[in-house]
Each structure stands twice: as structure tokens, then as C-alpha cells.
Protein backbone atom coordinates (compact mmCIF):
# COMPACT_ATOMS: atom_id res chain seq x y z
CA MET A 1 -70.98 -79.01 -2.21
CA THR A 2 -66.85 -78.48 -2.91
CA ARG A 3 -65.42 -77.38 -6.51
CA GLY A 4 -61.80 -78.36 -7.46
CA GLY A 5 -58.94 -76.09 -5.97
CA MET A 6 -62.05 -76.04 -3.07
CA GLU A 7 -61.93 -79.37 -1.53
CA SER A 8 -61.30 -77.74 2.08
CA VAL A 9 -64.76 -75.93 2.95
CA GLU A 10 -67.88 -76.68 2.02
CA VAL A 11 -71.04 -74.18 1.63
CA PHE A 12 -73.86 -74.83 4.31
CA THR A 13 -77.06 -73.21 5.75
CA SER A 14 -75.93 -71.22 8.90
CA GLU A 15 -78.77 -70.39 11.40
CA GLY A 16 -79.83 -67.12 11.30
CA LYS A 17 -76.97 -66.22 8.68
CA GLY A 18 -77.66 -68.18 5.51
CA ARG A 19 -75.60 -69.23 3.58
CA GLY A 20 -71.84 -69.97 4.91
CA LEU A 21 -68.75 -71.47 4.52
CA LYS A 22 -67.25 -74.22 6.99
CA ALA A 23 -64.00 -76.28 7.24
CA GLN A 24 -64.02 -80.02 6.05
CA LYS A 25 -60.41 -80.48 7.58
CA GLU A 26 -58.07 -79.29 10.49
CA PHE A 27 -56.18 -75.97 9.82
CA LEU A 28 -53.98 -74.75 11.96
CA PRO A 29 -53.23 -70.84 12.77
CA GLY A 30 -51.26 -69.72 9.67
CA ASP A 31 -52.72 -72.31 6.99
CA VAL A 32 -54.16 -71.19 3.93
CA ILE A 33 -57.48 -72.65 3.54
CA PHE A 34 -57.82 -71.12 0.22
CA ALA A 35 -56.50 -69.03 -2.21
CA GLU A 36 -59.05 -67.59 -5.37
CA PRO A 37 -58.50 -64.86 -8.09
CA ALA A 38 -60.38 -62.14 -8.69
CA TYR A 39 -63.49 -62.96 -10.49
CA ALA A 40 -63.18 -59.32 -11.85
CA ALA A 41 -60.99 -56.39 -10.43
CA VAL A 42 -60.47 -52.58 -11.03
CA VAL A 43 -57.83 -49.88 -9.95
CA PHE A 44 -59.15 -47.29 -8.34
CA ASP A 45 -59.67 -43.84 -10.47
CA SER A 46 -57.22 -41.60 -8.35
CA LEU A 47 -54.51 -44.35 -9.34
CA THR A 48 -55.20 -45.62 -12.74
CA HIS A 49 -51.76 -44.59 -13.93
CA VAL A 50 -49.72 -45.53 -11.04
CA ILE A 51 -51.11 -49.14 -10.22
CA CYS A 52 -50.46 -52.12 -12.47
CA HIS A 53 -53.87 -52.83 -14.00
CA THR A 54 -53.37 -56.45 -13.53
CA CYS A 55 -50.81 -57.50 -10.52
CA PHE A 56 -51.91 -54.21 -8.51
CA LYS A 57 -48.60 -53.32 -7.90
CA ARG A 58 -47.30 -49.61 -7.55
CA GLN A 59 -44.40 -49.05 -10.17
CA GLU A 60 -42.44 -45.95 -10.96
CA ARG A 61 -42.92 -46.92 -14.62
CA LEU A 62 -45.59 -48.74 -16.50
CA HIS A 63 -46.54 -49.52 -19.77
CA ARG A 64 -49.81 -47.82 -21.17
CA CYS A 65 -52.16 -49.52 -23.41
CA GLY A 66 -51.20 -48.07 -26.77
CA GLN A 67 -54.84 -48.69 -27.72
CA CYS A 68 -56.98 -46.94 -24.96
CA LYS A 69 -54.56 -45.11 -23.59
CA PHE A 70 -56.11 -45.58 -19.92
CA ALA A 71 -54.80 -49.22 -18.64
CA TYR A 72 -51.68 -48.96 -17.37
CA TYR A 73 -48.96 -52.50 -16.81
CA CYS A 74 -45.84 -53.70 -15.16
CA ASP A 75 -44.50 -55.34 -18.60
CA ARG A 76 -45.52 -57.25 -21.81
CA THR A 77 -46.30 -59.89 -19.00
CA CYS A 78 -48.84 -57.96 -17.33
CA GLN A 79 -50.82 -57.13 -20.48
CA ARG A 80 -50.69 -60.41 -22.32
CA ALA A 81 -52.61 -61.21 -18.79
CA ALA A 82 -54.84 -58.66 -18.80
CA TRP A 83 -56.09 -58.92 -22.90
CA LEU A 84 -58.86 -61.01 -21.76
CA ASN A 85 -60.23 -59.28 -19.58
CA HIS A 86 -59.51 -55.63 -21.26
CA LYS A 87 -59.92 -56.34 -24.74
CA ASN A 88 -63.78 -54.81 -24.71
CA GLU A 89 -62.73 -52.56 -22.07
CA CYS A 90 -60.28 -51.28 -24.41
CA SER A 91 -62.88 -50.79 -27.66
CA ALA A 92 -65.79 -49.61 -24.93
CA ILE A 93 -63.10 -46.60 -23.83
CA LYS A 94 -61.98 -45.52 -27.19
CA LYS A 95 -65.67 -45.40 -28.61
CA HIS A 96 -67.28 -43.54 -25.41
CA GLY A 97 -64.18 -41.30 -25.45
CA LYS A 98 -63.16 -41.80 -21.85
CA ALA A 99 -62.82 -44.21 -18.96
CA PRO A 100 -65.88 -44.03 -16.57
CA THR A 101 -65.51 -44.80 -12.96
CA GLU A 102 -64.54 -47.52 -10.82
CA ASN A 103 -67.57 -48.83 -10.31
CA ILE A 104 -68.98 -48.50 -13.76
CA ARG A 105 -65.75 -50.39 -15.02
CA LEU A 106 -65.62 -53.36 -12.65
CA ALA A 107 -69.49 -54.10 -13.12
CA ALA A 108 -68.73 -53.95 -17.10
CA ARG A 109 -65.71 -56.18 -16.51
CA ILE A 110 -68.39 -58.88 -14.74
CA MET A 111 -70.85 -58.92 -17.42
CA TRP A 112 -68.23 -58.98 -20.20
CA LYS A 113 -67.35 -61.89 -18.16
CA ILE A 114 -70.96 -63.57 -18.23
CA GLU A 115 -70.89 -62.84 -21.59
CA ARG A 116 -67.90 -65.28 -22.42
CA GLU A 117 -68.72 -67.74 -19.76
CA GLY A 118 -72.26 -67.44 -18.80
CA SER A 119 -73.72 -66.62 -15.30
CA GLY A 120 -73.49 -70.37 -13.91
CA LEU A 121 -70.76 -71.38 -11.67
CA ALA A 122 -67.14 -70.50 -13.02
CA GLU A 123 -64.38 -72.51 -12.39
CA ASP A 124 -63.58 -73.15 -8.85
CA CYS A 125 -66.43 -71.04 -7.61
CA LEU A 126 -68.72 -72.60 -5.12
CA VAL A 127 -71.45 -69.99 -6.23
CA SER A 128 -72.19 -68.25 -8.98
CA ILE A 129 -72.29 -64.22 -9.30
CA ASP A 130 -76.54 -64.85 -9.88
CA ASP A 131 -76.64 -66.28 -6.44
CA LEU A 132 -74.04 -63.17 -4.41
CA GLN A 133 -76.64 -61.14 -2.01
CA ASN A 134 -77.19 -57.69 -3.39
CA HIS A 135 -79.20 -55.96 -0.90
CA VAL A 136 -80.77 -53.52 -3.30
CA ASP A 137 -84.33 -53.76 -1.28
CA SER A 138 -82.60 -52.20 1.72
CA PHE A 139 -81.09 -49.55 0.00
CA ASP A 140 -82.20 -45.95 1.68
CA GLU A 141 -83.29 -42.93 -0.67
CA GLU A 142 -79.54 -41.64 -1.43
CA GLU A 143 -78.26 -44.81 -1.91
CA LYS A 144 -81.18 -45.90 -4.46
CA LYS A 145 -80.37 -42.67 -5.82
CA GLU A 146 -77.07 -43.14 -6.90
CA LEU A 147 -77.78 -46.48 -8.15
CA ARG A 148 -79.90 -45.23 -10.77
CA ALA A 149 -76.87 -42.53 -12.01
CA ASP A 150 -74.94 -46.03 -11.89
CA VAL A 151 -76.98 -47.74 -13.88
CA GLU A 152 -77.54 -44.48 -16.28
CA SER A 153 -73.47 -44.47 -16.25
CA PHE A 154 -73.33 -47.87 -17.39
CA LEU A 155 -75.99 -47.97 -19.85
CA GLU A 156 -74.39 -45.00 -21.50
CA PHE A 157 -70.43 -47.23 -21.81
CA TRP A 158 -72.13 -50.39 -22.48
CA PRO A 159 -71.19 -51.30 -26.63
CA PRO A 160 -74.53 -51.81 -28.44
CA GLN A 161 -72.82 -54.86 -29.85
CA SER A 162 -72.66 -57.07 -26.24
CA GLN A 163 -75.17 -58.57 -24.93
CA GLN A 164 -77.49 -56.19 -23.56
CA PHE A 165 -79.15 -57.20 -19.68
CA GLY A 166 -82.13 -55.89 -18.31
CA MET A 167 -82.00 -53.22 -16.00
CA GLN A 168 -82.83 -55.13 -13.04
CA TYR A 169 -79.88 -57.48 -13.28
CA ILE A 170 -77.55 -54.41 -14.25
CA SER A 171 -78.77 -53.46 -10.57
CA HIS A 172 -78.25 -56.64 -8.89
CA ILE A 173 -74.58 -56.76 -10.19
CA PHE A 174 -74.10 -53.23 -8.75
CA GLY A 175 -75.67 -54.14 -5.50
CA VAL A 176 -73.17 -57.06 -5.24
CA ILE A 177 -70.60 -54.43 -5.93
CA SER A 178 -71.53 -52.57 -3.04
CA CYS A 179 -71.91 -55.38 -0.44
CA ASN A 180 -69.20 -57.90 -1.49
CA GLY A 181 -66.47 -55.74 -3.07
CA PHE A 182 -63.22 -56.36 -1.31
CA THR A 183 -60.33 -53.36 -1.25
CA LEU A 184 -57.13 -54.62 -2.55
CA SER A 185 -53.98 -53.18 -1.72
CA ASP A 186 -50.34 -52.19 -3.12
CA GLN A 187 -47.46 -54.83 -2.63
CA ARG A 188 -46.24 -52.56 0.50
CA GLY A 189 -49.76 -53.10 1.87
CA LEU A 190 -49.69 -49.15 2.30
CA GLN A 191 -52.52 -48.39 0.35
CA ALA A 192 -55.92 -49.36 -0.92
CA VAL A 193 -55.36 -49.31 -4.71
CA GLY A 194 -58.40 -50.62 -6.45
CA VAL A 195 -61.51 -53.68 -5.26
CA GLY A 196 -62.17 -57.07 -6.61
CA ILE A 197 -65.25 -59.43 -6.70
CA PHE A 198 -64.04 -62.99 -4.80
CA PRO A 199 -67.04 -64.87 -5.05
CA ASN A 200 -66.07 -67.45 -2.72
CA LEU A 201 -64.86 -65.34 0.07
CA CYS A 202 -68.20 -63.76 0.04
CA GLN A 203 -69.84 -67.16 1.83
CA ALA A 204 -67.59 -66.15 4.43
CA ASN A 205 -69.95 -64.82 7.38
CA HIS A 206 -68.79 -61.71 9.70
CA ASP A 207 -68.02 -62.77 13.41
CA CYS A 208 -66.07 -59.79 15.74
CA TRP A 209 -63.92 -62.45 16.90
CA PRO A 210 -63.27 -64.43 13.15
CA ASN A 211 -61.01 -67.55 13.03
CA CYS A 212 -60.24 -66.64 9.47
CA THR A 213 -58.37 -63.06 7.60
CA VAL A 214 -57.90 -62.52 4.14
CA ILE A 215 -54.50 -61.39 2.81
CA PHE A 216 -54.22 -60.02 -0.02
CA ASN A 217 -51.32 -61.52 -2.69
CA ASN A 218 -50.07 -59.20 -5.26
CA GLY A 219 -48.54 -62.39 -7.33
CA ASN A 220 -44.64 -63.01 -7.80
CA HIS A 221 -43.24 -60.55 -9.55
CA GLU A 222 -39.66 -61.14 -9.16
CA ALA A 223 -40.76 -64.46 -11.72
CA VAL A 224 -41.41 -61.70 -14.49
CA ARG A 225 -38.72 -63.49 -16.89
CA SER A 226 -39.33 -67.33 -15.91
CA MET A 227 -42.00 -69.43 -16.38
CA PHE A 228 -43.85 -68.74 -12.92
CA HIS A 229 -45.73 -65.57 -13.06
CA THR A 230 -48.25 -66.20 -10.51
CA GLN A 231 -51.82 -64.67 -10.86
CA MET A 232 -52.99 -62.20 -7.89
CA ARG A 233 -55.47 -63.38 -5.68
CA ILE A 234 -56.71 -63.66 -2.02
CA GLU A 235 -55.70 -65.98 0.55
CA LEU A 236 -57.85 -66.89 3.41
CA ARG A 237 -55.59 -68.00 6.31
CA ALA A 238 -56.43 -69.50 9.85
CA LEU A 239 -56.17 -67.07 12.86
CA SER A 240 -56.69 -70.34 15.26
CA LYS A 241 -57.08 -74.17 15.18
CA ILE A 242 -60.09 -74.91 13.16
CA SER A 243 -61.65 -78.39 13.43
CA PRO A 244 -63.37 -79.93 10.84
CA GLY A 245 -66.82 -79.14 10.73
CA ASP A 246 -66.17 -75.34 12.28
CA GLU A 247 -67.84 -72.51 10.77
CA LEU A 248 -65.29 -70.35 9.31
CA THR A 249 -65.93 -66.33 9.79
CA VAL A 250 -63.95 -63.23 9.11
CA SER A 251 -64.66 -59.45 10.07
CA TYR A 252 -66.48 -57.52 7.19
CA VAL A 253 -65.39 -54.68 9.40
CA ASP A 254 -62.11 -53.49 11.54
CA PHE A 255 -63.13 -56.07 14.33
CA LEU A 256 -60.59 -53.68 16.54
CA ASN A 257 -63.07 -51.10 17.56
CA VAL A 258 -65.50 -50.69 19.80
CA SER A 259 -68.90 -52.64 19.76
CA GLU A 260 -71.03 -49.57 18.77
CA GLU A 261 -69.07 -49.03 16.03
CA ARG A 262 -68.95 -52.20 14.66
CA ARG A 263 -72.43 -52.61 14.73
CA LYS A 264 -73.28 -49.24 13.23
CA GLN A 265 -70.94 -49.91 10.27
CA LEU A 266 -72.07 -53.58 9.66
CA LYS A 267 -76.13 -52.31 9.69
CA LYS A 268 -74.92 -49.27 7.27
CA GLN A 269 -72.70 -51.30 4.61
CA TYR A 270 -74.06 -55.14 5.18
CA TYR A 271 -77.46 -54.24 6.44
CA PHE A 272 -77.81 -56.67 9.50
CA ASP A 273 -78.10 -56.56 13.21
CA CYS A 274 -74.74 -57.91 14.89
CA SER A 275 -76.18 -59.58 17.76
CA CYS A 276 -72.75 -61.75 18.45
CA GLU A 277 -71.47 -62.23 22.54
CA HIS A 278 -68.89 -59.29 21.59
CA CYS A 279 -71.01 -57.00 20.57
CA LYS A 280 -74.00 -58.20 23.21
CA LYS A 281 -71.62 -58.11 26.05
CA GLN A 282 -69.36 -54.96 24.76
CA ILE A 283 -66.67 -57.07 25.39
CA LYS A 284 -62.71 -55.70 25.42
CA ASP A 285 -64.67 -52.27 25.20
CA ASP A 286 -63.32 -50.78 28.41
CA LEU A 287 -59.97 -51.69 27.45
CA MET A 288 -60.34 -50.32 23.84
CA LEU A 289 -61.09 -47.14 25.07
CA ALA A 290 -58.69 -47.06 28.14
CA VAL A 291 -57.70 -43.63 29.72
CA LYS A 292 -54.54 -42.83 31.73
CA GLU A 293 -55.12 -43.70 35.55
CA GLY A 294 -53.28 -42.79 38.67
CA GLU A 295 -52.81 -39.24 40.18
CA GLY A 296 -53.02 -37.06 36.79
CA LYS A 297 -55.98 -39.14 35.04
CA PRO A 298 -57.43 -37.24 32.58
CA SER A 299 -61.18 -35.27 32.79
CA ALA A 300 -63.71 -36.56 30.46
CA GLU A 301 -63.36 -33.35 28.36
CA MET A 302 -60.06 -33.80 27.54
CA VAL A 303 -60.27 -37.49 26.54
CA LYS A 304 -63.66 -36.31 24.39
CA GLU A 305 -61.00 -33.65 22.88
CA VAL A 306 -58.29 -35.99 22.23
CA VAL A 307 -60.67 -39.06 20.67
CA GLN A 308 -62.03 -36.07 18.14
CA PHE A 309 -58.22 -35.26 17.38
CA SER A 310 -57.67 -38.25 16.71
CA LYS A 311 -60.34 -39.70 14.22
CA ASP A 312 -59.23 -36.39 12.76
CA THR A 313 -55.79 -37.00 11.98
CA LEU A 314 -56.82 -40.96 11.13
CA GLU A 315 -58.66 -39.12 7.66
CA LYS A 316 -55.71 -37.00 6.77
CA ILE A 317 -53.44 -40.14 7.31
CA ASN A 318 -55.65 -42.13 4.87
CA LYS A 319 -56.18 -39.47 2.56
CA ALA A 320 -51.97 -38.87 2.52
CA ARG A 321 -51.43 -42.56 1.91
CA MET A 322 -53.64 -42.26 -0.86
CA GLU A 323 -51.46 -40.18 -2.44
CA GLY A 324 -48.09 -41.84 -1.57
CA LEU A 325 -47.39 -39.08 0.84
CA TYR A 326 -45.35 -41.33 3.33
CA HIS A 327 -43.49 -38.66 5.16
CA GLU A 328 -46.76 -36.54 5.80
CA VAL A 329 -48.08 -39.68 7.45
CA VAL A 330 -45.26 -40.12 9.70
CA LYS A 331 -45.52 -36.40 10.36
CA LEU A 332 -49.13 -36.59 11.49
CA CYS A 333 -48.64 -39.63 13.38
CA ARG A 334 -46.00 -38.62 15.34
CA GLU A 335 -47.96 -35.42 16.54
CA CYS A 336 -51.10 -37.55 17.09
CA LEU A 337 -48.98 -39.67 19.55
CA LYS A 338 -47.80 -36.43 21.26
CA LYS A 339 -51.09 -35.68 22.03
CA GLN A 340 -52.46 -39.03 22.95
CA GLU A 341 -49.57 -40.21 24.93
CA PRO A 342 -50.68 -38.19 28.24
CA VAL A 343 -54.07 -38.91 27.84
CA LEU A 344 -54.92 -42.63 26.51
CA GLY A 345 -54.06 -45.64 28.17
CA ASP A 346 -51.84 -48.16 26.04
CA THR A 347 -54.53 -50.73 25.14
CA ASN A 348 -56.52 -47.95 23.54
CA ILE A 349 -57.66 -48.39 20.34
CA TYR A 350 -57.05 -45.01 19.10
CA LEU A 351 -53.70 -45.20 20.18
CA LEU A 352 -52.53 -48.20 19.14
CA ARG A 353 -53.85 -47.20 14.99
CA ILE A 354 -51.42 -44.66 15.33
CA LEU A 355 -48.45 -46.73 16.58
CA SER A 356 -49.64 -49.34 13.96
CA ILE A 357 -49.79 -46.94 10.95
CA ALA A 358 -46.13 -45.34 11.90
CA SER A 359 -44.31 -48.12 12.61
CA GLU A 360 -45.43 -49.72 9.08
CA VAL A 361 -44.47 -46.49 7.10
CA LEU A 362 -41.43 -46.21 9.27
CA SER A 363 -40.56 -49.74 8.00
CA TYR A 364 -41.19 -48.36 4.61
CA LEU A 365 -39.06 -45.80 4.85
CA GLN A 366 -36.42 -47.52 6.28
CA MET A 367 -36.38 -45.93 9.61
CA PHE A 368 -36.30 -49.30 11.09
CA GLU A 369 -35.34 -48.15 14.90
CA GLU A 370 -38.10 -45.80 15.83
CA ALA A 371 -40.49 -48.60 13.71
CA ALA A 372 -39.49 -51.27 16.08
CA ASP A 373 -39.76 -49.27 19.06
CA TYR A 374 -43.47 -48.30 17.46
CA ALA A 375 -44.16 -52.09 16.57
CA LYS A 376 -43.12 -52.92 20.30
CA ARG A 377 -45.35 -50.78 22.02
CA MET A 378 -48.36 -51.89 19.46
CA VAL A 379 -47.85 -55.66 20.57
CA ASP A 380 -47.49 -54.58 24.13
CA GLY A 381 -51.04 -52.82 23.64
CA TYR A 382 -52.82 -55.77 21.38
CA LEU A 383 -51.44 -58.54 23.65
């Protein structure tokens, strides 16, 4: 089954995995297999005033919606492009008195789109929102409690004049968001800024050594003053050579992680046990946990301490990145590398992660020499 703009892929039944996507033609590494605009997307609560609500770019000065005083845009082009999706939200926020959380806002945008277009197949979609997995039956008590709270908040926010949906259907939408939401980054790729639903992308199954990757494209904002203001979208790109008939796979979690961590995360967030070769045989786990060899080989206790320090530092780095404190990120990276270097091997995943973040953020801060040094070490480790 294919639809306009999606001729190069088809949905099929993948053994033991349910639906999947397979290639209809050959792709080479780097090729765009398909591009897909968001069915619905919202900016994270903490960043609503610094990120454009249309193209998800961070801008110094944004224009605020004069009606609801909640939504922000780069300029008139982005504001006009947003109106179809923002119109109902705008009046609901005014009536409600304040904007609800990102989860509620995303659910509401999905429902308003369904009200406008119906819940059948949208243009260029291979599956409908109704057919996406929600995993609500697998929720534990804590998750069910959160779901009930979300449904209640949604019903308080949802206007009485809009189409009314049953509790089960509203729960389905929240379940879909929970296990299919895709994180969107700003134009520099430095910071997660929002979440969106991409129904075609949801059809790609997980593999711990995938043949595709997902790239977020914020659209061409340099073209604002011309006619070619391009839309924000995701792109599914080939990582290796793909032949016609091959299944297209992505990694739902960071695949540069040890098998136990990957499996734990997949079970917690996506409710399945990964049984791929890499997990079963723990392929590359030894490389990802490598420690310094030779005379001064560190003790197991020292390794444990440095790994814990690295995990704690990565949490602090995430927080600093969310707040846009990039000099603080660099400081944390340097401190961590100082602790890691005498203890961890060149292919150790915690060392490589810190090198990756350091090179990325230093490049953005235009400290190119130091960034290049870290980038080279990171690439050598990954190779």
C-alpha cells in the first residue's frame, strides 16, 4: 500500500512485530527515503516563549499572538502558517484562562485535526491515527494514574462547542502520544524543544543496529521573504545500502548503548522485549564498556565510580542544555573528561558521549580548534 509522496515505501506485516515498512527501490547511505510533516506538534512547556511554534527554531525576538498571548512566532509568515492549527487552540486558551501542559495541547491539536478532516487516512499518510499503537493495556498503575489525570485536564480544556470524543478514544490518543511521540530539536540540533506525531515514521520497526536514521529539518527560514518558505518535517534517511524489499528500521532508543540498557528502555517505553542479535549476543558491549588497559589498569571500584560520575554529569548537561547554558555545558564536559581519561577506554560509550556533546557545543560557540580535537577522538572511538 502506498500513497502520494510515499511511493518508495510500503506497509507490510513483519513477522512477530506487526506492521512494518519496506523499501520499494534501492537506497544508498544518506538518501532521503521519505520526508514527512508533523500530523501535529507542540513546543515543550518550558520553552514556549523562546521557540517559534511553527518552525521550532530558537529566535532572539519572537512575535506573540495578540489573542491568546501564549503562542510565539518568528514573523508573520510563521504566524500565518500556524493559524489553521492554532485557531481553535487560541480561543480555548483564552476561555480556559491559561495554556494546559504540552501533552494536553498535543492531544487537543490531534483532536481538532480529526474534527476538521476525520480520522481516516490523511493526505500522504500510510496509516490513520486510529490505527496507531497506544499500549494503554500495558500501562502500570502509575502510568494509568497519569493517563486519568491527563484525560481529566483535557476534558476541562476541551471546548463544549467542539466535537465531543468518548473517554476510550481520548485515552487512545494519549497512549499514541506516549509511545509514538517524536522529540523535535532546534535548528542547531543542540536542544530538544518539542514533540510531534508522525504517523508514517511510526510504522518503522525498531532494530538495535538500524539501516535508517531520522533527521529533523526545521524548514528553510532564509527563504522567508521569498515564496519558498519550506515546511518543518522529519526525513527518514538510509544509513547503509538498502535493496528493494528490505525492511526499513530505526532505533527507538540510543543504539550506542549497552544491550541491557537498551532492552530496559525499550521495555519501559515501548513495551516489548528486544530479541535482536545484538541484544541476544551482547555484541559490542565489551567495547562500549572498555577501560584503560596496561600497567595502571583501574580497579573495578574506580571504574564504577567514574561511570556513575559520568551518568550524573550527563543529567546536569541535559538540564543546562534545556536552559541554553552552553558555557556551563562545556565546563561540565571538561570536568568529566578529566575524570574519565585515566580510567575509561577510547571506545567507552560514556567517554564518547561527552566528547560528542563537547565537540557539538564548542562548534556552536565557535571554539573550533578544541571542538575539532574532541570530534576527532570521538570519530576514532566510534570507528
